[in-house]
Amino acid sequence: MQKLSQSEWLVMDVLWSGDSFLLGEIVDKLYEDTRWSRNTVHTYLTRMEKKGLVTIDRSVDPHRYSYKISRDDCSKAEREVLLNKVYGGSVGDLVAAFLKENKITAEEKAKLNKLLDDMEV
């Protein structure tokens, strides 16, 4: 899977929030943050369909738009790019960098410890 642009993430966030949408519904949800016109959103959706990210149901009128790729799959692809590009594939270095730069709660620490304990390494 290819990396999503920031604009594609915005569109996908809308699509991931429900089952399917009319074009106008997507435009309305994006407008406050993007000020994109109906034509701009339609262009993104048709390009994203060609990339295999979006499904357009043309059997109904008006057409319905939905995601084809899950948020989890897109997030996984982004994590892999970050891991390989910035940390040379080292999960330990990535986690260490995040923990050095960000505070975690006691609850988050307990979850992380449990995750590490449960892993087979």
N, C-alpha and C. Protein backbone atom coordinates (compact mmCIF):
# COMPACT_ATOMS: atom_id res chain seq x y z
N MET A 1 0.84 -1.19 0.00
CA MET A 1 0.00 0.00 0.00
C MET A 1 0.88 1.24 0.00
N GLN A 2 0.49 2.23 -0.75
CA GLN A 2 1.26 3.46 -0.81
C GLN A 2 0.88 4.40 0.33
N LYS A 3 1.76 5.32 0.62
CA LYS A 3 1.55 6.28 1.69
C LYS A 3 0.46 7.28 1.29
N LEU A 4 -0.42 7.61 2.23
CA LEU A 4 -1.47 8.58 1.99
C LEU A 4 -0.93 9.99 2.19
N SER A 5 -1.39 10.92 1.37
CA SER A 5 -1.07 12.33 1.57
C SER A 5 -1.90 12.85 2.74
N GLN A 6 -1.56 14.02 3.24
CA GLN A 6 -2.33 14.62 4.34
C GLN A 6 -3.78 14.84 3.91
N SER A 7 -3.99 15.27 2.68
CA SER A 7 -5.35 15.49 2.18
C SER A 7 -6.13 14.19 2.10
N GLU A 8 -5.47 13.13 1.67
CA GLU A 8 -6.13 11.82 1.60
C GLU A 8 -6.51 11.33 3.00
N TRP A 9 -5.65 11.60 3.99
CA TRP A 9 -5.99 11.23 5.37
C TRP A 9 -7.27 11.94 5.81
N LEU A 10 -7.40 13.21 5.46
CA LEU A 10 -8.60 13.96 5.85
C LEU A 10 -9.86 13.33 5.25
N VAL A 11 -9.79 12.98 3.98
CA VAL A 11 -10.93 12.34 3.32
C VAL A 11 -11.21 10.99 3.96
N MET A 12 -10.17 10.21 4.18
CA MET A 12 -10.37 8.88 4.76
C MET A 12 -10.94 8.97 6.18
N ASP A 13 -10.53 9.97 6.94
CA ASP A 13 -11.09 10.15 8.29
C ASP A 13 -12.60 10.28 8.24
N VAL A 14 -13.10 11.01 7.26
CA VAL A 14 -14.55 11.14 7.10
C VAL A 14 -15.15 9.79 6.75
N LEU A 15 -14.56 9.11 5.78
CA LEU A 15 -15.12 7.82 5.34
C LEU A 15 -15.08 6.77 6.44
N TRP A 16 -14.03 6.79 7.25
CA TRP A 16 -13.93 5.82 8.35
C TRP A 16 -14.95 6.07 9.45
N SER A 17 -15.59 7.23 9.44
CA SER A 17 -16.54 7.57 10.51
C SER A 17 -17.93 6.98 10.27
N GLY A 18 -18.14 6.29 9.16
CA GLY A 18 -19.45 5.71 8.88
C GLY A 18 -19.37 4.63 7.82
N ASP A 19 -20.53 4.16 7.37
CA ASP A 19 -20.57 3.09 6.37
C ASP A 19 -20.40 3.62 4.95
N SER A 20 -21.20 4.60 4.58
CA SER A 20 -21.07 5.21 3.26
C SER A 20 -21.69 6.61 3.31
N PHE A 21 -21.27 7.43 2.37
CA PHE A 21 -21.68 8.83 2.39
C PHE A 21 -22.02 9.31 0.98
N LEU A 22 -22.89 10.30 0.93
CA LEU A 22 -23.12 11.04 -0.30
C LEU A 22 -22.01 12.06 -0.43
N LEU A 23 -21.74 12.50 -1.66
CA LEU A 23 -20.70 13.49 -1.88
C LEU A 23 -20.92 14.74 -1.03
N GLY A 24 -22.14 15.23 -0.99
CA GLY A 24 -22.45 16.43 -0.22
C GLY A 24 -22.15 16.27 1.26
N GLU A 25 -22.38 15.09 1.80
CA GLU A 25 -22.09 14.83 3.21
C GLU A 25 -20.59 14.92 3.47
N ILE A 26 -19.81 14.39 2.55
CA ILE A 26 -18.35 14.42 2.70
C ILE A 26 -17.86 15.86 2.60
N VAL A 27 -18.38 16.60 1.63
CA VAL A 27 -18.01 18.01 1.46
C VAL A 27 -18.32 18.78 2.74
N ASP A 28 -19.51 18.57 3.30
CA ASP A 28 -19.91 19.28 4.53
C ASP A 28 -18.97 18.96 5.69
N LYS A 29 -18.60 17.70 5.84
CA LYS A 29 -17.74 17.30 6.95
C LYS A 29 -16.32 17.86 6.80
N LEU A 30 -15.86 18.04 5.57
CA LEU A 30 -14.51 18.54 5.32
C LEU A 30 -14.42 20.06 5.27
N TYR A 31 -15.52 20.71 4.97
CA TYR A 31 -15.48 22.14 4.61
C TYR A 31 -14.89 23.03 5.71
N GLU A 32 -15.29 22.84 6.94
CA GLU A 32 -14.81 23.73 8.02
C GLU A 32 -13.29 23.75 8.11
N ASP A 33 -12.68 22.58 7.98
CA ASP A 33 -11.21 22.49 8.10
C ASP A 33 -10.47 22.78 6.81
N THR A 34 -11.11 22.52 5.66
CA THR A 34 -10.37 22.60 4.40
C THR A 34 -10.83 23.70 3.45
N ARG A 35 -12.11 24.07 3.54
CA ARG A 35 -12.72 25.01 2.60
C ARG A 35 -12.71 24.48 1.16
N TRP A 36 -12.65 23.15 1.01
CA TRP A 36 -12.63 22.55 -0.31
C TRP A 36 -14.02 22.64 -0.95
N SER A 37 -14.02 22.86 -2.26
CA SER A 37 -15.27 22.88 -3.01
C SER A 37 -15.73 21.45 -3.27
N ARG A 38 -16.95 21.35 -3.74
CA ARG A 38 -17.51 20.05 -4.10
C ARG A 38 -16.66 19.38 -5.19
N ASN A 39 -16.21 20.16 -6.17
CA ASN A 39 -15.38 19.61 -7.25
C ASN A 39 -14.05 19.08 -6.73
N THR A 40 -13.44 19.79 -5.78
CA THR A 40 -12.17 19.35 -5.22
C THR A 40 -12.33 18.01 -4.50
N VAL A 41 -13.37 17.90 -3.69
CA VAL A 41 -13.61 16.66 -2.96
C VAL A 41 -13.89 15.52 -3.95
N HIS A 42 -14.69 15.79 -4.96
CA HIS A 42 -14.98 14.76 -5.96
C HIS A 42 -13.71 14.30 -6.66
N THR A 43 -12.83 15.24 -6.99
CA THR A 43 -11.56 14.89 -7.63
C THR A 43 -10.73 13.99 -6.72
N TYR A 44 -10.63 14.35 -5.43
CA TYR A 44 -9.90 13.49 -4.49
C TYR A 44 -10.49 12.10 -4.46
N LEU A 45 -11.81 12.00 -4.36
CA LEU A 45 -12.46 10.70 -4.25
C LEU A 45 -12.23 9.84 -5.49
N THR A 46 -12.32 10.42 -6.67
CA THR A 46 -12.11 9.62 -7.88
C THR A 46 -10.65 9.19 -8.02
N ARG A 47 -9.72 10.05 -7.64
CA ARG A 47 -8.30 9.66 -7.67
C ARG A 47 -8.02 8.57 -6.63
N MET A 48 -8.65 8.70 -5.47
CA MET A 48 -8.44 7.72 -4.42
C MET A 48 -9.07 6.37 -4.78
N GLU A 49 -10.14 6.40 -5.57
CA GLU A 49 -10.73 5.15 -6.05
C GLU A 49 -9.73 4.45 -6.97
N LYS A 50 -9.08 5.19 -7.84
CA LYS A 50 -8.09 4.60 -8.76
C LYS A 50 -6.91 4.00 -7.99
N LYS A 51 -6.60 4.56 -6.82
CA LYS A 51 -5.51 4.05 -5.99
C LYS A 51 -5.94 2.86 -5.15
N GLY A 52 -7.24 2.54 -5.17
CA GLY A 52 -7.74 1.41 -4.39
C GLY A 52 -8.05 1.75 -2.94
N LEU A 53 -8.22 3.04 -2.64
CA LEU A 53 -8.49 3.46 -1.27
C LEU A 53 -9.99 3.62 -0.99
N VAL A 54 -10.75 3.95 -2.04
CA VAL A 54 -12.16 4.33 -1.90
C VAL A 54 -13.00 3.49 -2.85
N THR A 55 -14.23 3.21 -2.42
CA THR A 55 -15.20 2.54 -3.26
C THR A 55 -16.31 3.53 -3.59
N ILE A 56 -16.67 3.60 -4.86
CA ILE A 56 -17.77 4.45 -5.30
C ILE A 56 -18.87 3.54 -5.84
N ASP A 57 -20.02 3.57 -5.19
CA ASP A 57 -21.17 2.76 -5.63
C ASP A 57 -21.94 3.57 -6.67
N ARG A 58 -21.73 3.23 -7.92
CA ARG A 58 -22.38 3.95 -9.01
C ARG A 58 -23.71 3.31 -9.40
N SER A 59 -24.09 2.23 -8.70
CA SER A 59 -25.36 1.56 -9.01
C SER A 59 -26.54 2.31 -8.42
N VAL A 60 -26.27 3.27 -7.56
CA VAL A 60 -27.33 4.09 -6.97
C VAL A 60 -27.10 5.54 -7.37
N ASP A 61 -28.18 6.30 -7.38
CA ASP A 61 -28.07 7.72 -7.71
C ASP A 61 -28.77 8.50 -6.62
N PRO A 62 -28.10 9.36 -5.91
CA PRO A 62 -26.70 9.75 -6.09
C PRO A 62 -25.74 8.65 -5.60
N HIS A 63 -24.52 8.73 -6.12
CA HIS A 63 -23.49 7.75 -5.79
C HIS A 63 -23.17 7.77 -4.29
N ARG A 64 -22.74 6.63 -3.79
CA ARG A 64 -22.34 6.50 -2.38
C ARG A 64 -20.84 6.21 -2.35
N TYR A 65 -20.16 6.81 -1.38
CA TYR A 65 -18.71 6.69 -1.24
C TYR A 65 -18.39 6.03 0.09
N SER A 66 -17.43 5.10 0.07
CA SER A 66 -17.01 4.44 1.30
C SER A 66 -15.52 4.09 1.19
N TYR A 67 -14.95 3.76 2.33
CA TYR A 67 -13.53 3.38 2.33
C TYR A 67 -13.37 1.95 1.87
N LYS A 68 -12.26 1.68 1.23
CA LYS A 68 -11.93 0.32 0.80
C LYS A 68 -10.82 -0.24 1.69
N ILE A 69 -9.97 0.63 2.19
CA ILE A 69 -8.84 0.25 3.04
C ILE A 69 -9.15 0.71 4.47
N SER A 70 -8.94 -0.14 5.44
CA SER A 70 -9.26 0.21 6.83
C SER A 70 -8.24 1.18 7.42
N ARG A 71 -8.66 1.84 8.47
CA ARG A 71 -7.77 2.74 9.21
C ARG A 71 -6.57 1.96 9.74
N ASP A 72 -6.81 0.76 10.23
CA ASP A 72 -5.72 -0.06 10.77
C ASP A 72 -4.67 -0.37 9.71
N ASP A 73 -5.11 -0.70 8.50
CA ASP A 73 -4.16 -0.99 7.42
C ASP A 73 -3.36 0.25 7.04
N CYS A 74 -4.02 1.40 6.98
CA CYS A 74 -3.32 2.64 6.64
C CYS A 74 -2.35 3.04 7.76
N SER A 75 -2.77 2.89 8.99
CA SER A 75 -1.91 3.21 10.13
C SER A 75 -0.68 2.31 10.16
N LYS A 76 -0.90 1.03 9.89
CA LYS A 76 0.22 0.07 9.86
C LYS A 76 1.24 0.47 8.80
N ALA A 77 0.76 0.84 7.63
CA ALA A 77 1.66 1.24 6.54
C ALA A 77 2.45 2.49 6.93
N GLU A 78 1.80 3.44 7.58
CA GLU A 78 2.48 4.67 8.03
C GLU A 78 3.55 4.34 9.08
N ARG A 79 3.21 3.44 10.01
CA ARG A 79 4.18 3.05 11.04
C ARG A 79 5.40 2.39 10.42
N GLU A 80 5.17 1.54 9.43
CA GLU A 80 6.28 0.85 8.77
C GLU A 80 7.19 1.84 8.05
N VAL A 81 6.60 2.84 7.40
CA VAL A 81 7.40 3.86 6.72
C VAL A 81 8.25 4.61 7.74
N LEU A 82 7.63 5.05 8.83
CA LEU A 82 8.35 5.77 9.88
C LEU A 82 9.46 4.91 10.47
N LEU A 83 9.13 3.68 10.81
CA LEU A 83 10.09 2.77 11.42
C LEU A 83 11.32 2.59 10.52
N ASN A 84 11.09 2.33 9.27
CA ASN A 84 12.20 2.07 8.35
C ASN A 84 12.94 3.33 7.94
N LYS A 85 12.20 4.39 7.70
CA LYS A 85 12.81 5.63 7.22
C LYS A 85 13.63 6.33 8.29
N VAL A 86 13.09 6.43 9.49
CA VAL A 86 13.72 7.21 10.55
C VAL A 86 14.56 6.36 11.49
N TYR A 87 14.14 5.13 11.76
CA TYR A 87 14.79 4.31 12.77
C TYR A 87 15.46 3.07 12.21
N GLY A 88 15.63 3.01 10.91
CA GLY A 88 16.32 1.88 10.29
C GLY A 88 15.73 0.53 10.63
N GLY A 89 14.43 0.50 10.90
CA GLY A 89 13.76 -0.76 11.21
C GLY A 89 13.85 -1.18 12.67
N SER A 90 14.48 -0.38 13.52
CA SER A 90 14.65 -0.73 14.93
C SER A 90 13.45 -0.28 15.77
N VAL A 91 12.63 -1.24 16.16
CA VAL A 91 11.46 -0.95 16.99
C VAL A 91 11.91 -0.39 18.34
N GLY A 92 12.97 -0.96 18.91
CA GLY A 92 13.47 -0.49 20.20
C GLY A 92 13.87 0.97 20.16
N ASP A 93 14.55 1.38 19.10
CA ASP A 93 14.96 2.79 18.98
C ASP A 93 13.75 3.70 18.84
N LEU A 94 12.75 3.26 18.08
CA LEU A 94 11.54 4.06 17.92
C LEU A 94 10.83 4.24 19.26
N VAL A 95 10.62 3.16 19.98
CA VAL A 95 9.93 3.23 21.27
C VAL A 95 10.73 4.07 22.26
N ALA A 96 12.04 3.87 22.30
CA ALA A 96 12.90 4.64 23.22
C ALA A 96 12.80 6.13 22.92
N ALA A 97 12.80 6.49 21.64
CA ALA A 97 12.71 7.91 21.28
C ALA A 97 11.39 8.51 21.74
N PHE A 98 10.29 7.80 21.53
CA PHE A 98 9.00 8.30 21.97
C PHE A 98 8.94 8.43 23.49
N LEU A 99 9.48 7.46 24.20
CA LEU A 99 9.42 7.49 25.65
C LEU A 99 10.31 8.57 26.24
N LYS A 100 11.43 8.87 25.59
CA LYS A 100 12.31 9.94 26.06
C LYS A 100 11.67 11.31 25.88
N GLU A 101 10.89 11.47 24.82
CA GLU A 101 10.34 12.77 24.45
C GLU A 101 8.92 13.02 24.93
N ASN A 102 8.24 12.00 25.43
CA ASN A 102 6.84 12.12 25.83
C ASN A 102 6.62 11.43 27.16
N LYS A 103 5.85 12.07 28.00
CA LYS A 103 5.49 11.47 29.29
C LYS A 103 4.36 10.47 29.08
N ILE A 104 4.40 9.37 29.83
CA ILE A 104 3.30 8.42 29.80
C ILE A 104 2.75 8.29 31.21
N THR A 105 1.49 7.94 31.28
CA THR A 105 0.83 7.78 32.57
C THR A 105 1.21 6.43 33.18
N ALA A 106 0.91 6.28 34.44
CA ALA A 106 1.15 5.00 35.10
C ALA A 106 0.35 3.89 34.43
N GLU A 107 -0.87 4.21 34.01
CA GLU A 107 -1.71 3.22 33.33
C GLU A 107 -1.10 2.82 31.99
N GLU A 108 -0.58 3.79 31.23
CA GLU A 108 0.07 3.48 29.96
C GLU A 108 1.33 2.64 30.18
N LYS A 109 2.07 2.96 31.25
CA LYS A 109 3.28 2.19 31.56
C LYS A 109 2.92 0.75 31.89
N ALA A 110 1.85 0.56 32.66
CA ALA A 110 1.42 -0.78 33.02
C ALA A 110 1.01 -1.57 31.78
N LYS A 111 0.29 -0.92 30.85
CA LYS A 111 -0.10 -1.58 29.61
C LYS A 111 1.12 -1.96 28.78
N LEU A 112 2.08 -1.05 28.72
CA LEU A 112 3.30 -1.31 27.96
C LEU A 112 4.08 -2.46 28.58
N ASN A 113 4.20 -2.47 29.90
CA ASN A 113 4.89 -3.57 30.58
C ASN A 113 4.20 -4.90 30.32
N LYS A 114 2.86 -4.90 30.38
CA LYS A 114 2.12 -6.14 30.13
C LYS A 114 2.34 -6.60 28.69
N LEU A 115 2.30 -5.67 27.75
CA LEU A 115 2.53 -6.01 26.35
C LEU A 115 3.91 -6.64 26.17
N LEU A 116 4.91 -6.05 26.78
CA LEU A 116 6.27 -6.59 26.67
C LEU A 116 6.39 -7.95 27.34
N ASP A 117 5.75 -8.11 28.50
CA ASP A 117 5.77 -9.40 29.19
C ASP A 117 5.07 -10.49 28.38
N ASP A 118 4.01 -10.13 27.67
CA ASP A 118 3.23 -11.10 26.91
C ASP A 118 3.91 -11.48 25.58
N MET A 119 4.86 -10.68 25.14
CA MET A 119 5.51 -10.94 23.86
C MET A 119 6.47 -12.12 23.98
N GLU A 120 6.55 -12.86 22.91
CA GLU A 120 7.49 -13.95 22.85
C GLU A 120 8.71 -13.46 22.08
N VAL A 121 9.80 -13.19 22.80
CA VAL A 121 11.05 -12.74 22.14
C VAL A 121 12.20 -13.64 22.52
